């Protein structure tokens, strides 16, 4: 599938990742998505505002799939 992607050199806050991926228009909107249970990382719903997107939690230490809502998917590739 062809969906928005982002390449990261280091760990990043999930809130900042959502804004960089244009999954949300602002950090406050990203916070609402997260606290409302509308964001999952690699299939696990995340509700913590201090959640990080880390290479060590990535699939095969390389990819992280973020889902916002039911149909919006984003790919993070770790270097």
PDB file of N, CA and C in Angstrom:
ATOM      1  N   UNK A   1       0.842  -1.187   0.000  1.00  0.00           N
ATOM      2  CA  UNK A   1       0.000   0.000   0.000  1.00  0.00           C
ATOM      3  C   UNK A   1       0.880   1.240   0.000  1.00  0.00           C
ATOM      4  N   UNK A   2       0.384   2.276  -0.592  1.00  0.00           N
ATOM      5  CA  UNK A   2       1.132   3.527  -0.649  1.00  0.00           C
ATOM      6  C   UNK A   2       0.494   4.518   0.319  1.00  0.00           C
ATOM      7  N   UNK A   3       1.134   4.691   1.468  1.00  0.00           N
ATOM      8  CA  UNK A   3       0.626   5.642   2.441  1.00  0.00           C
ATOM      9  C   UNK A   3       1.761   6.518   2.950  1.00  0.00           C
ATOM     10  N   UNK A   4       1.431   7.637   3.621  1.00  0.00           N
ATOM     11  CA  UNK A   4       2.465   8.583   4.055  1.00  0.00           C
ATOM     12  C   UNK A   4       3.541   7.915   4.900  1.00  0.00           C
ATOM     13  N   UNK A   5       4.792   8.331   4.683  1.00  0.00           N
ATOM     14  CA  UNK A   5       5.897   7.736   5.421  1.00  0.00           C
ATOM     15  C   UNK A   5       6.860   8.815   5.909  1.00  0.00           C
ATOM     16  N   UNK A   6       7.633   8.430   6.908  1.00  0.00           N
ATOM     17  CA  UNK A   6       8.597   9.322   7.533  1.00  0.00           C
ATOM     18  C   UNK A   6       9.817   8.499   7.901  1.00  0.00           C
ATOM     19  N   UNK A   7      10.999   9.045   7.702  1.00  0.00           N
ATOM     20  CA  UNK A   7      12.230   8.359   8.077  1.00  0.00           C
ATOM     21  C   UNK A   7      12.817   9.054   9.296  1.00  0.00           C
ATOM     22  N   UNK A   8      13.138   8.260  10.327  1.00  0.00           N
ATOM     23  CA  UNK A   8      13.679   8.800  11.569  1.00  0.00           C
ATOM     24  C   UNK A   8      15.096   8.301  11.809  1.00  0.00           C
ATOM     25  N   UNK A   9      15.946   9.204  12.300  1.00  0.00           N
ATOM     26  CA  UNK A   9      17.305   8.841  12.685  1.00  0.00           C
ATOM     27  C   UNK A   9      17.381   8.486  14.162  1.00  0.00           C
ATOM     28  N   UNK A  10      16.425   8.991  14.950  1.00  0.00           N
ATOM     29  CA  UNK A  10      16.445   8.749  16.395  1.00  0.00           C
ATOM     30  C   UNK A  10      14.998   8.631  16.899  1.00  0.00           C
ATOM     31  N   UNK A  11      14.853   8.339  18.178  1.00  0.00           N
ATOM     32  CA  UNK A  11      13.526   8.224  18.781  1.00  0.00           C
ATOM     33  C   UNK A  11      12.823   9.582  18.750  1.00  0.00           C
ATOM     34  N   UNK A  12      11.484   9.534  18.696  1.00  0.00           N
ATOM     35  CA  UNK A  12      10.715  10.775  18.630  1.00  0.00           C
ATOM     36  C   UNK A  12       9.416  10.592  19.397  1.00  0.00           C
ATOM     37  N   UNK A  13       8.936  11.663  20.012  1.00  0.00           N
ATOM     38  CA  UNK A  13       7.637  11.630  20.676  1.00  0.00           C
ATOM     39  C   UNK A  13       6.553  11.320  19.661  1.00  0.00           C
ATOM     40  N   UNK A  14       5.582  10.515  20.066  1.00  0.00           N
ATOM     41  CA  UNK A  14       4.486  10.157  19.172  1.00  0.00           C
ATOM     42  C   UNK A  14       3.727  11.400  18.713  1.00  0.00           C
ATOM     43  N   UNK A  15       3.547  12.359  19.598  1.00  0.00           N
ATOM     44  CA  UNK A  15       2.848  13.599  19.239  1.00  0.00           C
ATOM     45  C   UNK A  15       3.555  14.294  18.080  1.00  0.00           C
ATOM     46  N   UNK A  16       4.877  14.437  18.174  1.00  0.00           N
ATOM     47  CA  UNK A  16       5.646  15.087  17.115  1.00  0.00           C
ATOM     48  C   UNK A  16       5.616  14.268  15.825  1.00  0.00           C
ATOM     49  N   UNK A  17       5.624  12.952  15.965  1.00  0.00           N
ATOM     50  CA  UNK A  17       5.578  12.073  14.792  1.00  0.00           C
ATOM     51  C   UNK A  17       4.266  12.257  14.045  1.00  0.00           C
ATOM     52  N   UNK A  18       3.155  12.333  14.774  1.00  0.00           N
ATOM     53  CA  UNK A  18       1.851  12.534  14.135  1.00  0.00           C
ATOM     54  C   UNK A  18       1.807  13.850  13.360  1.00  0.00           C
ATOM     55  N   UNK A  19       2.398  14.899  13.919  1.00  0.00           N
ATOM     56  CA  UNK A  19       2.417  16.197  13.237  1.00  0.00           C
ATOM     57  C   UNK A  19       3.311  16.124  11.998  1.00  0.00           C
ATOM     58  N   UNK A  20       4.496  15.505  12.121  1.00  0.00           N
ATOM     59  CA  UNK A  20       5.412  15.390  10.984  1.00  0.00           C
ATOM     60  C   UNK A  20       4.823  14.550   9.848  1.00  0.00           C
ATOM     61  N   UNK A  21       4.039  13.544  10.201  1.00  0.00           N
ATOM     62  CA  UNK A  21       3.393  12.698   9.193  1.00  0.00           C
ATOM     63  C   UNK A  21       2.147  13.354   8.604  1.00  0.00           C
ATOM     64  N   UNK A  22       1.761  14.503   9.146  1.00  0.00           N
ATOM     65  CA  UNK A  22       0.535  15.218   8.786  1.00  0.00           C
ATOM     66  C   UNK A  22      -0.704  14.387   9.103  1.00  0.00           C
ATOM     67  N   UNK A  23      -0.580  13.535  10.145  1.00  0.00           N
ATOM     68  CA  UNK A  23      -1.725  12.775  10.642  1.00  0.00           C
ATOM     69  C   UNK A  23      -2.592  13.667  11.522  1.00  0.00           C
ATOM     70  N   UNK A  24      -2.008  14.762  11.989  1.00  0.00           N
ATOM     71  CA  UNK A  24      -2.769  15.774  12.726  1.00  0.00           C
ATOM     72  C   UNK A  24      -2.220  17.141  12.337  1.00  0.00           C
ATOM     73  N   UNK A  25      -3.058  18.140  12.447  1.00  0.00           N
ATOM     74  CA  UNK A  25      -2.654  19.473  12.010  1.00  0.00           C
ATOM     75  C   UNK A  25      -1.879  20.239  13.077  1.00  0.00           C
ATOM     76  N   UNK A  26      -1.948  19.769  14.330  1.00  0.00           N
ATOM     77  CA  UNK A  26      -1.250  20.453  15.410  1.00  0.00           C
ATOM     78  C   UNK A  26      -0.965  19.477  16.544  1.00  0.00           C
ATOM     79  N   UNK A  27      -0.122  19.911  17.465  1.00  0.00           N
ATOM     80  CA  UNK A  27       0.187  19.067  18.621  1.00  0.00           C
ATOM     81  C   UNK A  27      -1.037  18.893  19.514  1.00  0.00           C
ATOM     82  N   UNK A  28      -1.858  19.924  19.633  1.00  0.00           N
ATOM     83  CA  UNK A  28      -3.056  19.797  20.479  1.00  0.00           C
ATOM     84  C   UNK A  28      -4.039  18.799  19.871  1.00  0.00           C
ATOM     85  N   UNK A  29      -4.166  18.800  18.552  1.00  0.00           N
ATOM     86  CA  UNK A  29      -5.034  17.823  17.902  1.00  0.00           C
ATOM     87  C   UNK A  29      -4.466  16.410  18.087  1.00  0.00           C
ATOM     88  N   UNK A  30      -3.148  16.272  17.993  1.00  0.00           N
ATOM     89  CA  UNK A  30      -2.497  14.967  18.203  1.00  0.00           C
ATOM     90  C   UNK A  30      -2.756  14.469  19.625  1.00  0.00           C
ATOM     91  N   UNK A  31      -2.688  15.366  20.609  1.00  0.00           N
ATOM     92  CA  UNK A  31      -2.974  14.988  21.998  1.00  0.00           C
ATOM     93  C   UNK A  31      -4.393  14.463  22.148  1.00  0.00           C
ATOM     94  N   UNK A  32      -5.352  15.111  21.475  1.00  0.00           N
ATOM     95  CA  UNK A  32      -6.756  14.672  21.532  1.00  0.00           C
ATOM     96  C   UNK A  32      -6.915  13.287  20.923  1.00  0.00           C
ATOM     97  N   UNK A  33      -6.260  13.042  19.797  1.00  0.00           N
ATOM     98  CA  UNK A  33      -6.333  11.722  19.174  1.00  0.00           C
ATOM     99  C   UNK A  33      -5.786  10.651  20.112  1.00  0.00           C
ATOM    100  N   UNK A  34      -4.654  10.944  20.742  1.00  0.00           N
ATOM    101  CA  UNK A  34      -3.997   9.957  21.611  1.00  0.00           C
ATOM    102  C   UNK A  34      -4.838   9.690  22.858  1.00  0.00           C
ATOM    103  N   UNK A  35      -5.253  10.741  23.562  1.00  0.00           N
ATOM    104  CA  UNK A  35      -6.010  10.538  24.797  1.00  0.00           C
ATOM    105  C   UNK A  35      -7.379   9.929  24.524  1.00  0.00           C
ATOM    106  N   UNK A  36      -7.906  10.131  23.329  1.00  0.00           N
ATOM    107  CA  UNK A  36      -9.194   9.551  22.969  1.00  0.00           C
ATOM    108  C   UNK A  36      -9.103   8.106  22.510  1.00  0.00           C
ATOM    109  N   UNK A  37      -7.890   7.569  22.461  1.00  0.00           N
ATOM    110  CA  UNK A  37      -7.714   6.173  22.053  1.00  0.00           C
ATOM    111  C   UNK A  37      -7.781   5.966  20.552  1.00  0.00           C
ATOM    112  N   UNK A  38      -7.563   7.013  19.791  1.00  0.00           N
ATOM    113  CA  UNK A  38      -7.665   6.915  18.340  1.00  0.00           C
ATOM    114  C   UNK A  38      -6.368   6.638  17.616  1.00  0.00           C
ATOM    115  N   UNK A  39      -5.300   6.345  18.367  1.00  0.00           N
ATOM    116  CA  UNK A  39      -3.999   6.103  17.741  1.00  0.00           C
ATOM    117  C   UNK A  39      -3.455   4.761  18.204  1.00  0.00           C
ATOM    118  N   UNK A  40      -2.987   3.967  17.245  1.00  0.00           N
ATOM    119  CA  UNK A  40      -2.327   2.715  17.608  1.00  0.00           C
ATOM    120  C   UNK A  40      -0.965   2.654  16.925  1.00  0.00           C
ATOM    121  N   UNK A  41      -0.020   2.041  17.623  1.00  0.00           N
ATOM    122  CA  UNK A  41       1.333   1.870  17.116  1.00  0.00           C
ATOM    123  C   UNK A  41       1.601   0.374  17.048  1.00  0.00           C
ATOM    124  N   UNK A  42       1.851  -0.107  15.847  1.00  0.00           N
ATOM    125  CA  UNK A  42       2.065  -1.537  15.609  1.00  0.00           C
ATOM    126  C   UNK A  42       0.940  -2.385  16.203  1.00  0.00           C
ATOM    127  N   UNK A  43      -0.298  -1.903  16.063  1.00  0.00           N
ATOM    128  CA  UNK A  43      -1.461  -2.659  16.496  1.00  0.00           C
ATOM    129  C   UNK A  43      -1.851  -2.511  17.953  1.00  0.00           C
ATOM    130  N   UNK A  44      -1.119  -1.699  18.713  1.00  0.00           N
ATOM    131  CA  UNK A  44      -1.408  -1.507  20.135  1.00  0.00           C
ATOM    132  C   UNK A  44      -1.896  -0.069  20.340  1.00  0.00           C
ATOM    133  N   UNK A  45      -3.078   0.075  20.933  1.00  0.00           N
ATOM    134  CA  UNK A  45      -3.626   1.407  21.201  1.00  0.00           C
ATOM    135  C   UNK A  45      -2.751   2.105  22.235  1.00  0.00           C
ATOM    136  N   UNK A  46      -2.392   3.353  21.942  1.00  0.00           N
ATOM    137  CA  UNK A  46      -1.539   4.139  22.824  1.00  0.00           C
ATOM    138  C   UNK A  46      -2.350   5.309  23.355  1.00  0.00           C
ATOM    139  N   UNK A  47      -2.363   5.479  24.687  1.00  0.00           N
ATOM    140  CA  UNK A  47      -3.095   6.589  25.301  1.00  0.00           C
ATOM    141  C   UNK A  47      -2.188   7.496  26.130  1.00  0.00           C
ATOM    142  N   UNK A  48      -0.905   7.186  26.189  1.00  0.00           N
ATOM    143  CA  UNK A  48       0.039   7.983  26.973  1.00  0.00           C
ATOM    144  C   UNK A  48       0.599   9.114  26.108  1.00  0.00           C
ATOM    145  N   UNK A  49       0.545  10.326  26.628  1.00  0.00           N
ATOM    146  CA  UNK A  49       1.029  11.479  25.876  1.00  0.00           C
ATOM    147  C   UNK A  49       2.544  11.502  25.741  1.00  0.00           C
ATOM    148  N   UNK A  50       3.244  10.791  26.624  1.00  0.00           N
ATOM    149  CA  UNK A  50       4.709  10.775  26.552  1.00  0.00           C
ATOM    150  C   UNK A  50       5.241   9.563  25.786  1.00  0.00           C
ATOM    151  N   UNK A  51       4.361   8.889  25.023  1.00  0.00           N
ATOM    152  CA  UNK A  51       4.768   7.709  24.251  1.00  0.00           C
ATOM    153  C   UNK A  51       5.796   8.108  23.196  1.00  0.00           C
ATOM    154  N   UNK A  52       6.768   7.226  23.002  1.00  0.00           N
ATOM    155  CA  UNK A  52       7.837   7.464  22.041  1.00  0.00           C
ATOM    156  C   UNK A  52       7.743   6.465  20.893  1.00  0.00           C
ATOM    157  N   UNK A  53       8.151   6.903  19.719  1.00  0.00           N
ATOM    158  CA  UNK A  53       8.311   6.001  18.580  1.00  0.00           C
ATOM    159  C   UNK A  53       9.789   5.635  18.578  1.00  0.00           C
ATOM    160  N   UNK A  54      10.080   4.371  18.918  1.00  0.00           N
ATOM    161  CA  UNK A  54      11.460   3.934  19.091  1.00  0.00           C
ATOM    162  C   UNK A  54      11.823   2.830  18.115  1.00  0.00           C
ATOM    163  N   UNK A  55      13.075   2.842  17.715  1.00  0.00           N
ATOM    164  CA  UNK A  55      13.576   1.808  16.814  1.00  0.00           C
ATOM    165  C   UNK A  55      13.514   0.437  17.474  1.00  0.00           C
ATOM    166  N   UNK A  56      13.767   0.382  18.782  1.00  0.00           N
ATOM    167  CA  UNK A  56      13.772  -0.904  19.487  1.00  0.00           C
ATOM    168  C   UNK A  56      12.397  -1.558  19.540  1.00  0.00           C
ATOM    169  N   UNK A  57      11.316  -0.784  19.357  1.00  0.00           N
ATOM    170  CA  UNK A  57       9.959  -1.324  19.349  1.00  0.00           C
ATOM    171  C   UNK A  57       9.427  -1.555  17.938  1.00  0.00           C
ATOM    172  N   UNK A  58      10.240  -1.262  16.936  1.00  0.00           N
ATOM    173  CA  UNK A  58       9.808  -1.357  15.552  1.00  0.00           C
ATOM    174  C   UNK A  58       9.762  -2.812  15.078  1.00  0.00           C
ATOM    175  N   UNK A  59       8.990  -3.050  14.042  1.00  0.00           N
ATOM    176  CA  UNK A  59       8.915  -4.368  13.412  1.00  0.00           C
ATOM    177  C   UNK A  59      10.242  -4.610  12.701  1.00  0.00           C
ATOM    178  N   UNK A  60      10.870  -5.717  13.012  1.00  0.00           N
ATOM    179  CA  UNK A  60      12.198  -6.060  12.462  1.00  0.00           C
ATOM    180  C   UNK A  60      13.222  -4.956  12.709  1.00  0.00           C
ATOM    181  N   UNK A  61      13.026  -4.191  13.776  1.00  0.00           N
ATOM    182  CA  UNK A  61      13.928  -3.086  14.135  1.00  0.00           C
ATOM    183  C   UNK A  61      14.022  -2.039  13.024  1.00  0.00           C
ATOM    184  N   UNK A  62      13.029  -1.988  12.145  1.00  0.00           N
ATOM    185  CA  UNK A  62      13.102  -1.084  11.006  1.00  0.00           C
ATOM    186  C   UNK A  62      11.829  -0.278  10.750  1.00  0.00           C
ATOM    187  N   UNK A  63      10.642  -0.868  10.939  1.00  0.00           N
ATOM    188  CA  UNK A  63       9.399  -0.196  10.574  1.00  0.00           C
ATOM    189  C   UNK A  63       8.427  -0.094  11.745  1.00  0.00           C
ATOM    190  N   UNK A  64       7.764   1.047  11.823  1.00  0.00           N
ATOM    191  CA  UNK A  64       6.687   1.255  12.784  1.00  0.00           C
ATOM    192  C   UNK A  64       5.461   1.677  11.991  1.00  0.00           C
ATOM    193  N   UNK A  65       4.340   1.008  12.238  1.00  0.00           N
ATOM    194  CA  UNK A  65       3.097   1.352  11.557  1.00  0.00           C
ATOM    195  C   UNK A  65       2.194   2.065  12.557  1.00  0.00           C
ATOM    196  N   UNK A  66       1.775   3.255  12.197  1.00  0.00           N
ATOM    197  CA  UNK A  66       0.898   4.055  13.049  1.00  0.00           C
ATOM    198  C   UNK A  66      -0.458   4.143  12.359  1.00  0.00           C
ATOM    199  N   UNK A  67      -1.513   3.907  13.134  1.00  0.00           N
ATOM    200  CA  UNK A  67      -2.873   4.011  12.607  1.00  0.00           C
ATOM    201  C   UNK A  67      -3.605   5.073  13.411  1.00  0.00           C
ATOM    202  N   UNK A  68      -4.261   5.985  12.702  1.00  0.00           N
ATOM    203  CA  UNK A  68      -5.099   6.993  13.347  1.00  0.00           C
ATOM    204  C   UNK A  68      -6.507   6.793  12.841  1.00  0.00           C
ATOM    205  N   UNK A  69      -7.402   6.520  13.745  1.00  0.00           N
ATOM    206  CA  UNK A  69      -8.765   6.214  13.354  1.00  0.00           C
ATOM    207  C   UNK A  69      -8.834   4.806  12.778  1.00  0.00           C
ATOM    208  N   UNK A  70      -9.777   4.574  11.891  1.00  0.00           N
ATOM    209  CA  UNK A  70      -9.954   3.228  11.343  1.00  0.00           C
ATOM    210  C   UNK A  70      -9.205   3.004  10.041  1.00  0.00           C
ATOM    211  N   UNK A  71      -9.013   4.057   9.259  1.00  0.00           N
ATOM    212  CA  UNK A  71      -8.503   3.854   7.906  1.00  0.00           C
ATOM    213  C   UNK A  71      -7.231   4.613   7.569  1.00  0.00           C
ATOM    214  N   UNK A  72      -6.689   5.370   8.490  1.00  0.00           N
ATOM    215  CA  UNK A  72      -5.518   6.191   8.198  1.00  0.00           C
ATOM    216  C   UNK A  72      -4.243   5.528   8.728  1.00  0.00           C
ATOM    217  N   UNK A  73      -3.415   5.071   7.809  1.00  0.00           N
ATOM    218  CA  UNK A  73      -2.184   4.385   8.159  1.00  0.00           C
ATOM    219  C   UNK A  73      -0.973   5.199   7.738  1.00  0.00           C
ATOM    220  N   UNK A  74       0.083   5.114   8.546  1.00  0.00           N
ATOM    221  CA  UNK A  74       1.324   5.832   8.307  1.00  0.00           C
ATOM    222  C   UNK A  74       2.497   4.921   8.603  1.00  0.00           C
ATOM    223  N   UNK A  75       3.578   5.069   7.847  1.00  0.00           N
ATOM    224  CA  UNK A  75       4.756   4.223   8.024  1.00  0.00           C
ATOM    225  C   UNK A  75       5.927   5.070   8.486  1.00  0.00           C
ATOM    226  N   UNK A  76       6.603   4.598   9.531  1.00  0.00           N
ATOM    227  CA  UNK A  76       7.827   5.235  10.000  1.00  0.00           C
ATOM    228  C   UNK A  76       8.950   4.240   9.760  1.00  0.00           C
ATOM    229  N   UNK A  77       9.971   4.692   9.032  1.00  0.00           N
ATOM    230  CA  UNK A  77      11.141   3.845   8.779  1.00  0.00           C
ATOM    231  C   UNK A  77      12.283   4.354   9.645  1.00  0.00           C
ATOM    232  N   UNK A  78      12.912   3.426  10.375  1.00  0.00           N
ATOM    233  CA  UNK A  78      14.017   3.790  11.262  1.00  0.00           C
ATOM    234  C   UNK A  78      15.339   3.490  10.578  1.00  0.00           C
ATOM    235  N   UNK A  79      16.278   4.417  10.701  1.00  0.00           N
ATOM    236  CA  UNK A  79      17.616   4.206  10.127  1.00  0.00           C
ATOM    237  C   UNK A  79      18.506   3.502  11.116  1.00  0.00           C
TER     238      UNK A  79
END
